[in-house]
Amino acid sequence: MAGNDWGRRLVKSFRVEDGRRFRLGDYDPGDTCGLKSKEHAEKRLQRDVARLAELQDKLYAQDRWALLLVFQAMDAAGKDGVIKHVMSGLNPQGCQVYSFKAPSAEELDHDFLWRTARCLPERGRIGIFNRSYYEEVLVVRVHPEILAKQKLPTRLVGKRIWKERFSDITAHERYLARNGVVVLKFFLNVSKGEQKRRFLERLDRPEKNWKFSAADAQERQHWKQYMAAYQDAIRETAAEHAPWFVVPADKKWFARLVVAAAVADAMERLDLAYPEVTAEQKKELAAVRVQLEGGPHRARRKARRPHRAQVARRPLRRPEAPAAEPLPDGGEPTP
């Protein structure tokens, strides 16, 4: 329990439930809450990963709640690594990961929530969105030319469109919460300097060249606009039922620790448990056991059969010789 309390204290300082006074500048991307040892953090992470596996098993068995984890960040902030390390102990059958890139022609023919709504997790499962519907108030806001490709009626694209989209997202998340979907949103807060270092590392290491795109570097030119867009998104959509976690991401090991602790804490608050077995179900299970062991007749024969040890302890007896019959002439029988 002490470990769980520690995790709750850790994530409390990064959790945003009321965005009215939120300022992104108040959050340090390099913060580690005094933890200086990567090794110490990894030990705690392994404990949380094991705990998540146990909680996921109960989540699936109970079949009442679903969990939606939304990850948003600038390029090279470490979203893929967080998902890989934090979710490493989960059962793949109960966990689904979706990555959302530029919308397809089919997706552009629908409302902006459509492509993510059809990927929502079922009850008992964990859904992970690597980017999400928040791209519509981030990338699209920084690049308004993308909005023109969404085929919206002209009169609906006004000055209040971003406020309207925030309102739609808030209503969507409230609807999910009212239907048993726990929504947790993570902004991996990486600094511009650390992003540059990681980009250069991708260029220097051949095995990481595939991760680099010239478009990623170009987006750095819009850093201030993106930070303003993230600040507004968190301000407008943070809620108790759908909190944001502004996760310091300059140290990858610390970001993973915070995410794991936040997910474990949220699941522990659900009072997950295995379904109780009723008296009728217990009778059915007992009947199945009898059937698997060979049926009731075999069970009765087995009950009558003496135990091998009892047979071994039984004293041996010689067979008695038959009584000698008298001779017809009345003589004595021959020995």
C-alpha atoms as a PDB file:
ATOM      1  CA  MET A   1       0.000   0.000   0.000  1.00  0.00           C
ATOM      2  CA  ALA A   2       2.916   2.302   0.715  1.00  0.00           C
ATOM      3  CA  GLY A   3       4.055   1.905  -2.879  1.00  0.00           C
ATOM      4  CA  ASN A   4       0.579   2.831  -4.127  1.00  0.00           C
ATOM      5  CA  ASP A   5       0.531   5.945  -1.908  1.00  0.00           C
ATOM      6  CA  TRP A   6       3.899   6.944  -3.316  1.00  0.00           C
ATOM      7  CA  GLY A   7       2.574   6.609  -6.855  1.00  0.00           C
ATOM      8  CA  ARG A   8      -0.467   8.737  -6.039  1.00  0.00           C
ATOM      9  CA  ARG A   9       1.692  11.466  -4.561  1.00  0.00           C
ATOM     10  CA  LEU A  10       3.936  11.316  -7.618  1.00  0.00           C
ATOM     11  CA  VAL A  11       1.175  11.819 -10.182  1.00  0.00           C
ATOM     12  CA  LYS A  12      -0.796  14.362  -8.155  1.00  0.00           C
ATOM     13  CA  SER A  13       1.529  17.222  -9.095  1.00  0.00           C
ATOM     14  CA  PHE A  14       1.135  16.450 -12.821  1.00  0.00           C
ATOM     15  CA  ARG A  15      -2.634  15.839 -12.844  1.00  0.00           C
ATOM     16  CA  VAL A  16      -4.866  18.624 -14.216  1.00  0.00           C
ATOM     17  CA  GLU A  17      -8.596  18.372 -13.502  1.00  0.00           C
ATOM     18  CA  ASP A  18      -9.467  22.067 -13.703  1.00  0.00           C
ATOM     19  CA  GLY A  19      -7.782  23.993 -16.483  1.00  0.00           C
ATOM     20  CA  ARG A  20      -9.007  27.478 -15.688  1.00  0.00           C
ATOM     21  CA  ARG A  21      -5.665  28.541 -14.192  1.00  0.00           C
ATOM     22  CA  PHE A  22      -3.473  26.141 -16.145  1.00  0.00           C
ATOM     23  CA  ARG A  23      -0.229  27.499 -17.573  1.00  0.00           C
ATOM     24  CA  LEU A  24       2.027  25.139 -19.489  1.00  0.00           C
ATOM     25  CA  GLY A  25       5.037  27.248 -18.510  1.00  0.00           C
ATOM     26  CA  ASP A  26       4.543  26.202 -14.884  1.00  0.00           C
ATOM     27  CA  TYR A  27       5.542  22.633 -15.733  1.00  0.00           C
ATOM     28  CA  ASP A  28       9.242  21.782 -16.095  1.00  0.00           C
ATOM     29  CA  PRO A  29       9.952  19.185 -18.825  1.00  0.00           C
ATOM     30  CA  GLY A  30      13.107  18.155 -16.943  1.00  0.00           C
ATOM     31  CA  ASP A  31      11.438  17.568 -13.570  1.00  0.00           C
ATOM     32  CA  THR A  32      12.133  14.210 -11.889  1.00  0.00           C
ATOM     33  CA  CYS A  33      10.658  14.945  -8.437  1.00  0.00           C
ATOM     34  CA  GLY A  34      14.081  14.508  -6.871  1.00  0.00           C
ATOM     35  CA  LEU A  35      14.685  11.061  -8.371  1.00  0.00           C
ATOM     36  CA  LYS A  36      18.214  10.943  -9.755  1.00  0.00           C
ATOM     37  CA  SER A  37      18.701   7.220 -10.266  1.00  0.00           C
ATOM     38  CA  LYS A  38      17.380   5.658 -13.467  1.00  0.00           C
ATOM     39  CA  GLU A  39      17.928   2.213 -11.944  1.00  0.00           C
ATOM     40  CA  HIS A  40      15.762   3.051  -8.911  1.00  0.00           C
ATOM     41  CA  ALA A  41      13.004   4.349 -11.181  1.00  0.00           C
ATOM     42  CA  GLU A  42      13.106   1.211 -13.328  1.00  0.00           C
ATOM     43  CA  LYS A  43      12.620  -1.002 -10.263  1.00  0.00           C
ATOM     44  CA  ARG A  44       9.522   0.973  -9.341  1.00  0.00           C
ATOM     45  CA  LEU A  45       8.348   0.791 -12.941  1.00  0.00           C
ATOM     46  CA  GLN A  46       8.601  -3.009 -12.937  1.00  0.00           C
ATOM     47  CA  ARG A  47       6.463  -3.175  -9.807  1.00  0.00           C
ATOM     48  CA  ASP A  48       3.841  -0.958 -11.419  1.00  0.00           C
ATOM     49  CA  VAL A  49       3.906  -3.002 -14.633  1.00  0.00           C
ATOM     50  CA  ALA A  50       3.298  -6.176 -12.615  1.00  0.00           C
ATOM     51  CA  ARG A  51       0.469  -4.447 -10.766  1.00  0.00           C
ATOM     52  CA  LEU A  52      -1.075  -3.319 -14.055  1.00  0.00           C
ATOM     53  CA  ALA A  53      -1.061  -6.908 -15.337  1.00  0.00           C
ATOM     54  CA  GLU A  54      -2.957  -8.040 -12.236  1.00  0.00           C
ATOM     55  CA  LEU A  55      -5.455  -5.186 -12.515  1.00  0.00           C
ATOM     56  CA  GLN A  56      -5.977  -5.818 -16.219  1.00  0.00           C
ATOM     57  CA  ASP A  57      -6.877  -9.439 -15.494  1.00  0.00           C
ATOM     58  CA  LYS A  58      -9.595  -8.281 -13.088  1.00  0.00           C
ATOM     59  CA  LEU A  59     -10.759  -5.569 -15.508  1.00  0.00           C
ATOM     60  CA  TYR A  60     -11.260  -8.187 -18.219  1.00  0.00           C
ATOM     61  CA  ALA A  61     -12.961 -10.697 -15.907  1.00  0.00           C
ATOM     62  CA  GLN A  62     -15.289  -8.109 -14.359  1.00  0.00           C
ATOM     63  CA  ASP A  63     -16.312  -6.819 -17.814  1.00  0.00           C
ATOM     64  CA  ARG A  64     -17.805  -3.555 -16.515  1.00  0.00           C
ATOM     65  CA  TRP A  65     -15.240  -0.816 -17.153  1.00  0.00           C
ATOM     66  CA  ALA A  66     -13.088   0.143 -20.132  1.00  0.00           C
ATOM     67  CA  LEU A  67      -9.935   2.254 -20.102  1.00  0.00           C
ATOM     68  CA  LEU A  68      -8.951   4.800 -22.761  1.00  0.00           C
ATOM     69  CA  LEU A  69      -5.398   6.186 -22.644  1.00  0.00           C
ATOM     70  CA  VAL A  70      -4.762   9.166 -24.918  1.00  0.00           C
ATOM     71  CA  PHE A  71      -1.158  10.170 -25.702  1.00  0.00           C
ATOM     72  CA  GLN A  72      -0.315  13.535 -27.249  1.00  0.00           C
ATOM     73  CA  ALA A  73       3.115  15.098 -27.686  1.00  0.00           C
ATOM     74  CA  MET A  74       5.505  16.841 -30.003  1.00  0.00           C
ATOM     75  CA  ASP A  75       7.668  14.634 -32.226  1.00  0.00           C
ATOM     76  CA  ALA A  76      10.426  12.688 -30.421  1.00  0.00           C
ATOM     77  CA  ALA A  77       8.783  13.145 -27.014  1.00  0.00           C
ATOM     78  CA  GLY A  78       8.776   9.373 -26.474  1.00  0.00           C
ATOM     79  CA  LYS A  79       5.158   8.273 -26.970  1.00  0.00           C
ATOM     80  CA  ASP A  80       6.108   4.961 -28.584  1.00  0.00           C
ATOM     81  CA  GLY A  81       8.626   4.176 -25.851  1.00  0.00           C
ATOM     82  CA  VAL A  82       6.147   4.935 -23.066  1.00  0.00           C
ATOM     83  CA  ILE A  83       3.508   2.703 -24.646  1.00  0.00           C
ATOM     84  CA  LYS A  84       6.051  -0.082 -25.182  1.00  0.00           C
ATOM     85  CA  HIS A  85       7.553  -0.070 -21.675  1.00  0.00           C
ATOM     86  CA  VAL A  86       4.492   0.707 -19.560  1.00  0.00           C
ATOM     87  CA  MET A  87       2.199  -1.731 -21.356  1.00  0.00           C
ATOM     88  CA  SER A  88       4.825  -4.474 -21.717  1.00  0.00           C
ATOM     89  CA  GLY A  89       3.221  -6.737 -19.093  1.00  0.00           C
ATOM     90  CA  LEU A  90      -0.354  -6.492 -20.375  1.00  0.00           C
ATOM     91  CA  ASN A  91      -2.187  -9.307 -22.113  1.00  0.00           C
ATOM     92  CA  PRO A  92      -2.363  -8.328 -25.824  1.00  0.00           C
ATOM     93  CA  GLN A  93      -5.831  -9.880 -26.085  1.00  0.00           C
ATOM     94  CA  GLY A  94      -7.203  -7.222 -23.754  1.00  0.00           C
ATOM     95  CA  CYS A  95      -5.265  -4.231 -25.064  1.00  0.00           C
ATOM     96  CA  GLN A  96      -5.572  -2.371 -28.382  1.00  0.00           C
ATOM     97  CA  VAL A  97      -3.240   0.352 -29.701  1.00  0.00           C
ATOM     98  CA  TYR A  98      -4.275   2.727 -32.484  1.00  0.00           C
ATOM     99  CA  SER A  99      -2.022   5.325 -34.123  1.00  0.00           C
ATOM    100  CA  PHE A 100      -3.738   8.208 -35.880  1.00  0.00           C
ATOM    101  CA  LYS A 101      -1.857   9.985 -38.646  1.00  0.00           C
ATOM    102  CA  ALA A 102      -3.128  12.271 -41.418  1.00  0.00           C
ATOM    103  CA  PRO A 103      -6.812  11.433 -42.079  1.00  0.00           C
ATOM    104  CA  SER A 104      -7.700   9.388 -45.145  1.00  0.00           C
ATOM    105  CA  ALA A 105     -10.219  10.430 -47.814  1.00  0.00           C
ATOM    106  CA  GLU A 106     -12.852   8.229 -46.119  1.00  0.00           C
ATOM    107  CA  GLU A 107     -12.162   9.810 -42.726  1.00  0.00           C
ATOM    108  CA  LEU A 108     -12.421  13.314 -44.178  1.00  0.00           C
ATOM    109  CA  ASP A 109     -15.932  12.434 -45.358  1.00  0.00           C
ATOM    110  CA  HIS A 110     -17.003  12.029 -41.717  1.00  0.00           C
ATOM    111  CA  ASP A 111     -17.087  14.236 -38.627  1.00  0.00           C
ATOM    112  CA  PHE A 112     -13.742  14.707 -36.879  1.00  0.00           C
ATOM    113  CA  LEU A 113     -14.604  12.312 -34.029  1.00  0.00           C
ATOM    114  CA  TRP A 114     -15.664   9.448 -36.297  1.00  0.00           C
ATOM    115  CA  ARG A 115     -12.307   7.812 -36.957  1.00  0.00           C
ATOM    116  CA  THR A 116     -11.438   7.582 -33.274  1.00  0.00           C
ATOM    117  CA  ALA A 117     -14.956   6.752 -32.041  1.00  0.00           C
ATOM    118  CA  ARG A 118     -14.970   3.499 -33.993  1.00  0.00           C
ATOM    119  CA  CYS A 119     -11.750   2.453 -32.235  1.00  0.00           C
ATOM    120  CA  LEU A 120     -12.989   2.926 -28.667  1.00  0.00           C
ATOM    121  CA  PRO A 121     -12.261  -0.002 -26.317  1.00  0.00           C
ATOM    122  CA  GLU A 122     -14.902  -2.552 -25.389  1.00  0.00           C
ATOM    123  CA  ARG A 123     -15.815  -3.207 -21.774  1.00  0.00           C
ATOM    124  CA  GLY A 124     -13.046  -5.066 -20.005  1.00  0.00           C
ATOM    125  CA  ARG A 125     -10.368  -3.785 -22.384  1.00  0.00           C
ATOM    126  CA  ILE A 126      -7.721  -1.067 -22.516  1.00  0.00           C
ATOM    127  CA  GLY A 127      -7.591   1.182 -25.576  1.00  0.00           C
ATOM    128  CA  ILE A 128      -4.511   3.277 -26.339  1.00  0.00           C
ATOM    129  CA  PHE A 129      -4.605   6.216 -28.752  1.00  0.00           C
ATOM    130  CA  ASN A 130      -1.207   7.290 -30.080  1.00  0.00           C
ATOM    131  CA  ARG A 131      -2.417  10.768 -31.080  1.00  0.00           C
ATOM    132  CA  SER A 132      -6.178  11.217 -31.184  1.00  0.00           C
ATOM    133  CA  TYR A 133      -9.082  13.546 -31.877  1.00  0.00           C
ATOM    134  CA  TYR A 134      -6.990  16.244 -30.177  1.00  0.00           C
ATOM    135  CA  GLU A 135      -5.044  16.585 -33.422  1.00  0.00           C
ATOM    136  CA  GLU A 136      -8.085  18.546 -34.631  1.00  0.00           C
ATOM    137  CA  VAL A 137      -7.353  21.353 -32.142  1.00  0.00           C
ATOM    138  CA  LEU A 138      -3.570  21.095 -32.370  1.00  0.00           C
ATOM    139  CA  VAL A 139      -2.139  20.381 -35.836  1.00  0.00           C
ATOM    140  CA  VAL A 140      -5.247  21.670 -37.617  1.00  0.00           C
ATOM    141  CA  ARG A 141      -5.195  24.829 -35.524  1.00  0.00           C
ATOM    142  CA  VAL A 142      -1.506  25.498 -36.232  1.00  0.00           C
ATOM    143  CA  HIS A 143      -2.095  24.714 -39.934  1.00  0.00           C
ATOM    144  CA  PRO A 144      -5.581  26.090 -40.712  1.00  0.00           C
ATOM    145  CA  GLU A 145      -5.162  25.149 -44.371  1.00  0.00           C
ATOM    146  CA  ILE A 146      -5.901  21.558 -43.285  1.00  0.00           C
ATOM    147  CA  LEU A 147      -9.333  22.695 -42.144  1.00  0.00           C
ATOM    148  CA  ALA A 148     -10.215  23.599 -45.725  1.00  0.00           C
ATOM    149  CA  LYS A 149      -9.799  19.931 -46.730  1.00  0.00           C
ATOM    150  CA  GLN A 150     -12.431  18.769 -44.264  1.00  0.00           C
ATOM    151  CA  LYS A 151     -15.312  19.795 -46.548  1.00  0.00           C
ATOM    152  CA  LEU A 152     -17.222  21.588 -43.835  1.00  0.00           C
ATOM    153  CA  PRO A 153     -20.012  23.955 -44.975  1.00  0.00           C
ATOM    154  CA  THR A 154     -18.514  27.429 -45.197  1.00  0.00           C
ATOM    155  CA  ARG A 155     -20.955  29.000 -42.783  1.00  0.00           C
ATOM    156  CA  LEU A 156     -19.875  26.520 -40.050  1.00  0.00           C
ATOM    157  CA  VAL A 157     -16.236  27.589 -40.167  1.00  0.00           C
ATOM    158  CA  GLY A 158     -16.260  30.721 -38.078  1.00  0.00           C
ATOM    159  CA  LYS A 159     -14.185  32.413 -35.398  1.00  0.00           C
ATOM    160  CA  ARG A 160     -15.626  30.139 -32.713  1.00  0.00           C
ATOM    161  CA  ILE A 161     -14.777  26.850 -34.391  1.00  0.00           C
ATOM    162  CA  TRP A 162     -12.028  25.966 -31.885  1.00  0.00           C
ATOM    163  CA  LYS A 163     -14.268  26.746 -28.921  1.00  0.00           C
ATOM    164  CA  GLU A 164     -16.954  24.623 -30.539  1.00  0.00           C
ATOM    165  CA  ARG A 165     -14.554  21.736 -31.024  1.00  0.00           C
ATOM    166  CA  PHE A 166     -13.404  21.961 -27.421  1.00  0.00           C
ATOM    167  CA  SER A 167     -17.054  21.814 -26.424  1.00  0.00           C
ATOM    168  CA  ASP A 168     -17.639  18.771 -28.639  1.00  0.00           C
ATOM    169  CA  ILE A 169     -14.590  16.978 -27.203  1.00  0.00           C
ATOM    170  CA  THR A 170     -15.658  17.747 -23.640  1.00  0.00           C
ATOM    171  CA  ALA A 171     -19.167  16.419 -24.301  1.00  0.00           C
ATOM    172  CA  HIS A 172     -17.720  13.320 -25.984  1.00  0.00           C
ATOM    173  CA  GLU A 173     -15.489  12.534 -23.004  1.00  0.00           C
ATOM    174  CA  ARG A 174     -18.315  13.160 -20.524  1.00  0.00           C
ATOM    175  CA  TYR A 175     -20.464  10.736 -22.515  1.00  0.00           C
ATOM    176  CA  LEU A 176     -17.723   8.100 -22.398  1.00  0.00           C
ATOM    177  CA  ALA A 177     -17.276   8.539 -18.648  1.00  0.00           C
ATOM    178  CA  ARG A 178     -21.019   8.131 -18.084  1.00  0.00           C
ATOM    179  CA  ASN A 179     -20.857   4.849 -19.979  1.00  0.00           C
ATOM    180  CA  GLY A 180     -18.033   3.291 -17.997  1.00  0.00           C
ATOM    181  CA  VAL A 181     -15.026   4.384 -20.053  1.00  0.00           C
ATOM    182  CA  VAL A 182     -12.236   5.811 -17.894  1.00  0.00           C
ATOM    183  CA  VAL A 183     -10.462   8.509 -19.931  1.00  0.00           C
ATOM    184  CA  LEU A 184      -6.852   9.404 -19.066  1.00  0.00           C
ATOM    185  CA  LYS A 185      -4.969  11.919 -21.246  1.00  0.00           C
ATOM    186  CA  PHE A 186      -1.199  12.311 -21.252  1.00  0.00           C
ATOM    187  CA  PHE A 187       0.764  15.214 -22.696  1.00  0.00           C
ATOM    188  CA  LEU A 188       4.432  14.214 -22.819  1.00  0.00           C
ATOM    189  CA  ASN A 189       6.052  17.561 -22.147  1.00  0.00           C
ATOM    190  CA  VAL A 190       9.439  17.572 -23.874  1.00  0.00           C
ATOM    191  CA  SER A 191      11.604  20.698 -24.124  1.00  0.00           C
ATOM    192  CA  LYS A 192      12.655  22.152 -27.454  1.00  0.00           C
ATOM    193  CA  GLY A 193      16.322  21.581 -26.586  1.00  0.00           C
ATOM    194  CA  GLU A 194      15.782  17.901 -25.752  1.00  0.00           C
ATOM    195  CA  GLN A 195      13.788  17.403 -28.945  1.00  0.00           C
ATOM    196  CA  LYS A 196      16.732  18.809 -30.928  1.00  0.00           C
ATOM    197  CA  ARG A 197      19.129  16.419 -29.173  1.00  0.00           C
ATOM    198  CA  ARG A 198      16.924  13.440 -30.022  1.00  0.00           C
ATOM    199  CA  PHE A 199      16.573  14.528 -33.645  1.00  0.00           C
ATOM    200  CA  LEU A 200      20.364  14.719 -33.973  1.00  0.00           C
ATOM    201  CA  GLU A 201      20.664  11.274 -32.383  1.00  0.00           C
ATOM    202  CA  ARG A 202      18.325   9.900 -35.015  1.00  0.00           C
ATOM    203  CA  LEU A 203      20.544  11.365 -37.701  1.00  0.00           C
ATOM    204  CA  ASP A 204      23.752  10.072 -36.102  1.00  0.00           C
ATOM    205  CA  ARG A 205      22.591   6.492 -35.578  1.00  0.00           C
ATOM    206  CA  PRO A 206      21.837   4.541 -38.784  1.00  0.00           C
ATOM    207  CA  GLU A 207      19.391   2.218 -37.030  1.00  0.00           C
ATOM    208  CA  LYS A 208      17.330   5.284 -36.085  1.00  0.00           C
ATOM    209  CA  ASN A 209      17.443   7.096 -39.434  1.00  0.00           C
ATOM    210  CA  TRP A 210      14.077   5.650 -40.398  1.00  0.00           C
ATOM    211  CA  LYS A 211      12.444   7.522 -37.517  1.00  0.00           C
ATOM    212  CA  PHE A 212      13.489  10.926 -38.826  1.00  0.00           C
ATOM    213  CA  SER A 213      11.410  12.996 -41.206  1.00  0.00           C
ATOM    214  CA  ALA A 214      12.250  16.401 -42.611  1.00  0.00           C
ATOM    215  CA  ALA A 215       8.674  17.409 -41.799  1.00  0.00           C
ATOM    216  CA  ASP A 216       9.421  16.839 -38.096  1.00  0.00           C
ATOM    217  CA  ALA A 217      12.203  19.413 -38.223  1.00  0.00           C
ATOM    218  CA  GLN A 218       9.990  21.880 -40.077  1.00  0.00           C
ATOM    219  CA  GLU A 219       7.343  21.673 -37.362  1.00  0.00           C
ATOM    220  CA  ARG A 220       9.919  23.016 -34.873  1.00  0.00           C
ATOM    221  CA  GLN A 221       9.455  26.383 -36.559  1.00  0.00           C
ATOM    222  CA  HIS A 222       5.925  26.434 -35.109  1.00  0.00           C
ATOM    223  CA  TRP A 223       6.963  25.520 -31.563  1.00  0.00           C
ATOM    224  CA  LYS A 224       5.341  28.551 -29.902  1.00  0.00           C
ATOM    225  CA  GLN A 225       2.094  28.034 -31.771  1.00  0.00           C
ATOM    226  CA  TYR A 226       2.010  24.395 -30.738  1.00  0.00           C
ATOM    227  CA  MET A 227       2.677  25.210 -27.086  1.00  0.00           C
ATOM    228  CA  ALA A 228      -0.152  27.773 -27.161  1.00  0.00           C
ATOM    229  CA  ALA A 229      -2.453  25.197 -28.790  1.00  0.00           C
ATOM    230  CA  TYR A 230      -1.589  22.553 -26.170  1.00  0.00           C
ATOM    231  CA  GLN A 231      -2.155  25.025 -23.359  1.00  0.00           C
ATOM    232  CA  ASP A 232      -5.602  25.939 -24.687  1.00  0.00           C
ATOM    233  CA  ALA A 233      -6.532  22.276 -25.275  1.00  0.00           C
ATOM    234  CA  ILE A 234      -5.652  21.327 -21.696  1.00  0.00           C
ATOM    235  CA  ARG A 235      -7.345  24.411 -20.267  1.00  0.00           C
ATOM    236  CA  GLU A 236     -10.578  23.760 -22.118  1.00  0.00           C
ATOM    237  CA  THR A 237     -10.888  19.982 -21.726  1.00  0.00           C
ATOM    238  CA  ALA A 238      -9.345  19.065 -18.352  1.00  0.00           C
ATOM    239  CA  ALA A 239     -11.999  17.583 -16.070  1.00  0.00           C
ATOM    240  CA  GLU A 240     -12.257  15.311 -13.061  1.00  0.00           C
ATOM    241  CA  HIS A 241     -13.757  12.546 -15.213  1.00  0.00           C
ATOM    242  CA  ALA A 242     -11.165  13.079 -18.000  1.00  0.00           C
ATOM    243  CA  PRO A 243      -7.969  14.501 -16.454  1.00  0.00           C
ATOM    244  CA  TRP A 244      -4.816  15.530 -18.250  1.00  0.00           C
ATOM    245  CA  PHE A 245      -1.373  14.531 -17.003  1.00  0.00           C
ATOM    246  CA  VAL A 246       1.386  16.944 -18.030  1.00  0.00           C
ATOM    247  CA  VAL A 247       4.264  14.467 -17.902  1.00  0.00           C
ATOM    248  CA  PRO A 248       7.886  15.703 -17.797  1.00  0.00           C
ATOM    249  CA  ALA A 249       9.440  13.923 -20.776  1.00  0.00           C
ATOM    250  CA  ASP A 250      13.063  15.096 -20.973  1.00  0.00           C
ATOM    251  CA  LYS A 251      14.000  11.962 -18.998  1.00  0.00           C
ATOM    252  CA  LYS A 252      12.347   9.018 -20.681  1.00  0.00           C
ATOM    253  CA  TRP A 253      12.654   6.794 -17.628  1.00  0.00           C
ATOM    254  CA  PHE A 254      10.798   9.322 -15.492  1.00  0.00           C
ATOM    255  CA  ALA A 255       8.005   9.819 -18.042  1.00  0.00           C
ATOM    256  CA  ARG A 256       7.392   6.056 -18.108  1.00  0.00           C
ATOM    257  CA  LEU A 257       7.280   5.937 -14.312  1.00  0.00           C
ATOM    258  CA  VAL A 258       4.683   8.733 -14.113  1.00  0.00           C
ATOM    259  CA  VAL A 259       2.431   7.178 -16.764  1.00  0.00           C
ATOM    260  CA  ALA A 260       2.543   3.727 -15.146  1.00  0.00           C
ATOM    261  CA  ALA A 261       1.751   5.186 -11.718  1.00  0.00           C
ATOM    262  CA  ALA A 262      -1.157   7.234 -13.111  1.00  0.00           C
ATOM    263  CA  VAL A 263      -2.732   4.262 -14.897  1.00  0.00           C
ATOM    264  CA  ALA A 264      -2.307   1.955 -11.886  1.00  0.00           C
ATOM    265  CA  ASP A 265      -3.811   4.565  -9.565  1.00  0.00           C
ATOM    266  CA  ALA A 266      -6.843   5.068 -11.811  1.00  0.00           C
ATOM    267  CA  MET A 267      -7.484   1.320 -12.081  1.00  0.00           C
ATOM    268  CA  GLU A 268      -7.129   0.787  -8.333  1.00  0.00           C
ATOM    269  CA  ARG A 269      -9.859   3.376  -7.754  1.00  0.00           C
ATOM    270  CA  LEU A 270     -12.311   1.225  -9.727  1.00  0.00           C
ATOM    271  CA  ASP A 271     -12.476  -1.507  -7.046  1.00  0.00           C
ATOM    272  CA  LEU A 272     -11.883  -4.177  -9.654  1.00  0.00           C
ATOM    273  CA  ALA A 273     -12.539  -7.771  -8.565  1.00  0.00           C
ATOM    274  CA  TYR A 274     -13.145 -11.182 -10.050  1.00  0.00           C
ATOM    275  CA  PRO A 275     -16.866 -11.992 -10.382  1.00  0.00           C
ATOM    276  CA  GLU A 276     -18.329 -13.903  -7.413  1.00  0.00           C
ATOM    277  CA  VAL A 277     -19.343 -17.511  -8.070  1.00  0.00           C
ATOM    278  CA  THR A 278     -22.962 -18.208  -7.072  1.00  0.00           C
ATOM    279  CA  ALA A 279     -24.139 -21.348  -5.290  1.00  0.00           C
ATOM    280  CA  GLU A 280     -25.752 -22.550  -8.526  1.00  0.00           C
ATOM    281  CA  GLN A 281     -22.495 -22.037 -10.442  1.00  0.00           C
ATOM    282  CA  LYS A 282     -20.601 -23.946  -7.755  1.00  0.00           C
ATOM    283  CA  LYS A 283     -22.964 -26.913  -8.242  1.00  0.00           C
ATOM    284  CA  GLU A 284     -22.322 -26.778 -11.968  1.00  0.00           C
ATOM    285  CA  LEU A 285     -18.575 -26.715 -11.377  1.00  0.00           C
ATOM    286  CA  ALA A 286     -18.842 -29.723  -9.046  1.00  0.00           C
ATOM    287  CA  ALA A 287     -20.810 -31.615 -11.704  1.00  0.00           C
ATOM    288  CA  VAL A 288     -18.182 -30.788 -14.310  1.00  0.00           C
ATOM    289  CA  ARG A 289     -15.457 -32.089 -11.984  1.00  0.00           C
ATOM    290  CA  VAL A 290     -17.299 -35.415 -11.585  1.00  0.00           C
ATOM    291  CA  GLN A 291     -17.669 -35.660 -15.358  1.00  0.00           C
ATOM    292  CA  LEU A 292     -13.981 -34.909 -15.969  1.00  0.00           C
ATOM    293  CA  GLU A 293     -12.939 -37.527 -13.418  1.00  0.00           C
ATOM    294  CA  GLY A 294     -14.883 -40.256 -15.221  1.00  0.00           C
ATOM    295  CA  GLY A 295     -18.527 -39.916 -14.206  1.00  0.00           C
ATOM    296  CA  PRO A 296     -20.505 -40.849 -11.067  1.00  0.00           C
ATOM    297  CA  HIS A 297     -20.228 -44.663 -11.526  1.00  0.00           C
ATOM    298  CA  ARG A 298     -16.466 -44.543 -11.590  1.00  0.00           C
ATOM    299  CA  ALA A 299     -16.509 -42.246  -8.578  1.00  0.00           C
ATOM    300  CA  ARG A 300     -18.598 -44.783  -6.602  1.00  0.00           C
ATOM    301  CA  ARG A 301     -16.351 -47.680  -7.625  1.00  0.00           C
ATOM    302  CA  LYS A 302     -13.351 -45.671  -6.566  1.00  0.00           C
ATOM    303  CA  ALA A 303     -14.977 -45.013  -3.190  1.00  0.00           C
ATOM    304  CA  ARG A 304     -15.573 -48.788  -2.593  1.00  0.00           C
ATOM    305  CA  ARG A 305     -12.098 -49.836  -3.706  1.00  0.00           C
ATOM    306  CA  PRO A 306      -9.715 -50.259  -0.705  1.00  0.00           C
ATOM    307  CA  HIS A 307      -6.720 -48.059  -0.539  1.00  0.00           C
ATOM    308  CA  ARG A 308      -3.494 -49.669  -1.727  1.00  0.00           C
ATOM    309  CA  ALA A 309      -1.867 -49.134   1.661  1.00  0.00           C
ATOM    310  CA  GLN A 310      -4.731 -50.954   3.385  1.00  0.00           C
ATOM    311  CA  VAL A 311      -4.284 -53.952   1.091  1.00  0.00           C
ATOM    312  CA  ALA A 312      -0.581 -54.028   1.832  1.00  0.00           C
ATOM    313  CA  ARG A 313      -1.180 -54.104   5.581  1.00  0.00           C
ATOM    314  CA  ARG A 314      -3.724 -56.995   5.435  1.00  0.00           C
ATOM    315  CA  PRO A 315      -2.104 -60.214   6.921  1.00  0.00           C
ATOM    316  CA  LEU A 316      -1.533 -63.105   4.530  1.00  0.00           C
ATOM    317  CA  ARG A 317      -3.482 -66.309   5.291  1.00  0.00           C
ATOM    318  CA  ARG A 318      -2.638 -69.834   4.152  1.00  0.00           C
ATOM    319  CA  PRO A 319      -5.462 -71.660   2.380  1.00  0.00           C
ATOM    320  CA  GLU A 320      -7.062 -74.242   4.689  1.00  0.00           C
ATOM    321  CA  ALA A 321      -6.619 -77.903   3.637  1.00  0.00           C
ATOM    322  CA  PRO A 322      -9.893 -79.706   2.796  1.00  0.00           C
ATOM    323  CA  ALA A 323     -11.122 -82.164   5.464  1.00  0.00           C
ATOM    324  CA  ALA A 324     -10.124 -85.812   4.739  1.00  0.00           C
ATOM    325  CA  GLU A 325     -13.004 -88.124   3.814  1.00  0.00           C
ATOM    326  CA  PRO A 326     -13.230 -91.551   5.622  1.00  0.00           C
ATOM    327  CA  LEU A 327     -12.456 -94.714   3.585  1.00  0.00           C
ATOM    328  CA  PRO A 328     -15.352 -96.977   2.645  1.00  0.00           C
ATOM    329  CA  ASP A 329     -13.916 -99.891   4.722  1.00  0.00           C
ATOM    330  CA  GLY A 330     -13.675 -97.669   7.781  1.00  0.00           C
ATOM    331  CA  GLY A 331      -9.865 -97.617   7.696  1.00  0.00           C
ATOM    332  CA  GLU A 332      -7.817 -94.620   8.400  1.00  0.00           C
ATOM    333  CA  PRO A 333      -7.158 -92.211   5.560  1.00  0.00           C
ATOM    334  CA  THR A 334      -3.695 -92.261   4.146  1.00  0.00           C
ATOM    335  CA  PRO A 335      -1.769 -89.179   5.176  1.00  0.00           C
END
